[in-house]
Amino acid sequence: MIESVVLTVTDMKCGGCETNITGKLEAINGVISVKASFKEKEVSVEYDPEKTTLDTIKDTITSAGFTVK
């Protein structure tokens, strides 16, 4: 079963931030798709909860230097 989540990431400032977050999340086993928008301050993620967790996704964004609300 696939799960979807939309996270608020308030400190993305540009397309480079989107690319950075997208690349790091796509590298996680179990992440199916990522759409980051600095204009909307959101990151949408589809993932397989049998392979990864929401906490792993949030921790990856935080480790990249961004804040997840």
C-alpha atoms as a PDB file:
ATOM      1  CA  MET A   1       0.000   0.000   0.000  1.00  0.00           C
ATOM      2  CA  ILE A   2       1.297   3.446  -0.945  1.00  0.00           C
ATOM      3  CA  GLU A   3       1.013   6.372   1.464  1.00  0.00           C
ATOM      4  CA  SER A   4       1.104  10.065   0.590  1.00  0.00           C
ATOM      5  CA  VAL A   5       2.067  12.986   2.779  1.00  0.00           C
ATOM      6  CA  VAL A   6       2.380  16.731   2.265  1.00  0.00           C
ATOM      7  CA  LEU A   7       4.935  18.351   4.566  1.00  0.00           C
ATOM      8  CA  THR A   8       5.381  22.059   5.186  1.00  0.00           C
ATOM      9  CA  VAL A   9       9.031  23.052   4.733  1.00  0.00           C
ATOM     10  CA  THR A  10       9.204  26.760   5.462  1.00  0.00           C
ATOM     11  CA  ASP A  11      12.817  27.588   4.648  1.00  0.00           C
ATOM     12  CA  MET A  12      13.078  26.556   0.996  1.00  0.00           C
ATOM     13  CA  LYS A  13      14.118  29.687  -0.896  1.00  0.00           C
ATOM     14  CA  CYS A  14      14.713  28.630  -4.515  1.00  0.00           C
ATOM     15  CA  GLY A  15      14.678  25.911  -7.134  1.00  0.00           C
ATOM     16  CA  GLY A  16      18.023  24.699  -5.838  1.00  0.00           C
ATOM     17  CA  CYS A  17      16.395  23.942  -2.485  1.00  0.00           C
ATOM     18  CA  GLU A  18      13.696  21.954  -4.300  1.00  0.00           C
ATOM     19  CA  THR A  19      16.346  19.979  -6.199  1.00  0.00           C
ATOM     20  CA  ASN A  20      18.358  19.322  -3.034  1.00  0.00           C
ATOM     21  CA  ILE A  21      15.367  17.964  -1.097  1.00  0.00           C
ATOM     22  CA  THR A  22      14.047  15.986  -4.053  1.00  0.00           C
ATOM     23  CA  GLY A  23      17.397  14.266  -4.656  1.00  0.00           C
ATOM     24  CA  LYS A  24      17.884  13.319  -1.024  1.00  0.00           C
ATOM     25  CA  LEU A  25      14.361  11.930  -0.662  1.00  0.00           C
ATOM     26  CA  GLU A  26      14.479  10.015  -3.959  1.00  0.00           C
ATOM     27  CA  ALA A  27      17.600   8.239  -2.665  1.00  0.00           C
ATOM     28  CA  ILE A  28      15.581   6.644   0.165  1.00  0.00           C
ATOM     29  CA  ASN A  29      14.532   3.071  -0.535  1.00  0.00           C
ATOM     30  CA  GLY A  30      10.736   3.050  -0.550  1.00  0.00           C
ATOM     31  CA  VAL A  31      10.189   6.628  -1.741  1.00  0.00           C
ATOM     32  CA  ILE A  32       8.181   6.493  -4.952  1.00  0.00           C
ATOM     33  CA  SER A  33       7.778  10.149  -5.882  1.00  0.00           C
ATOM     34  CA  VAL A  34       8.672  13.595  -4.581  1.00  0.00           C
ATOM     35  CA  LYS A  35       7.383  17.034  -5.540  1.00  0.00           C
ATOM     36  CA  ALA A  36       8.950  20.003  -3.767  1.00  0.00           C
ATOM     37  CA  SER A  37       7.706  23.574  -4.167  1.00  0.00           C
ATOM     38  CA  PHE A  38       9.532  26.476  -2.558  1.00  0.00           C
ATOM     39  CA  LYS A  39       6.717  28.842  -3.590  1.00  0.00           C
ATOM     40  CA  GLU A  40       4.101  26.770  -1.762  1.00  0.00           C
ATOM     41  CA  LYS A  41       6.580  25.775   0.975  1.00  0.00           C
ATOM     42  CA  GLU A  42       5.499  22.144   0.582  1.00  0.00           C
ATOM     43  CA  VAL A  43       7.040  18.782  -0.143  1.00  0.00           C
ATOM     44  CA  SER A  44       4.702  16.022  -1.338  1.00  0.00           C
ATOM     45  CA  VAL A  45       5.975  12.475  -0.969  1.00  0.00           C
ATOM     46  CA  GLU A  46       4.532   9.105  -1.978  1.00  0.00           C
ATOM     47  CA  TYR A  47       6.210   6.194  -0.221  1.00  0.00           C
ATOM     48  CA  ASP A  48       5.903   2.531   0.673  1.00  0.00           C
ATOM     49  CA  PRO A  49       5.497   2.314   4.473  1.00  0.00           C
ATOM     50  CA  GLU A  50       6.854  -1.249   4.413  1.00  0.00           C
ATOM     51  CA  LYS A  51      10.212   0.087   3.194  1.00  0.00           C
ATOM     52  CA  THR A  52      10.550   3.492   4.874  1.00  0.00           C
ATOM     53  CA  THR A  53       8.866   5.651   7.493  1.00  0.00           C
ATOM     54  CA  LEU A  54       7.545   9.173   7.730  1.00  0.00           C
ATOM     55  CA  ASP A  55      10.162   9.824  10.420  1.00  0.00           C
ATOM     56  CA  THR A  56      12.941   8.832   8.000  1.00  0.00           C
ATOM     57  CA  ILE A  57      11.545  11.235   5.401  1.00  0.00           C
ATOM     58  CA  LYS A  58      11.329  14.087   7.929  1.00  0.00           C
ATOM     59  CA  ASP A  59      14.816  13.335   9.290  1.00  0.00           C
ATOM     60  CA  THR A  60      16.262  13.397   5.768  1.00  0.00           C
ATOM     61  CA  ILE A  61      14.782  16.842   5.104  1.00  0.00           C
ATOM     62  CA  THR A  62      16.058  18.098   8.476  1.00  0.00           C
ATOM     63  CA  SER A  63      19.529  16.639   7.832  1.00  0.00           C
ATOM     64  CA  ALA A  64      19.628  18.563   4.542  1.00  0.00           C
ATOM     65  CA  GLY A  65      19.310  21.780   6.550  1.00  0.00           C
ATOM     66  CA  PHE A  66      15.595  22.476   6.262  1.00  0.00           C
ATOM     67  CA  THR A  67      12.810  22.752   8.831  1.00  0.00           C
ATOM     68  CA  VAL A  68       9.751  20.496   8.669  1.00  0.00           C
ATOM     69  CA  LYS A  69       6.672  21.975  10.337  1.00  0.00           C
END
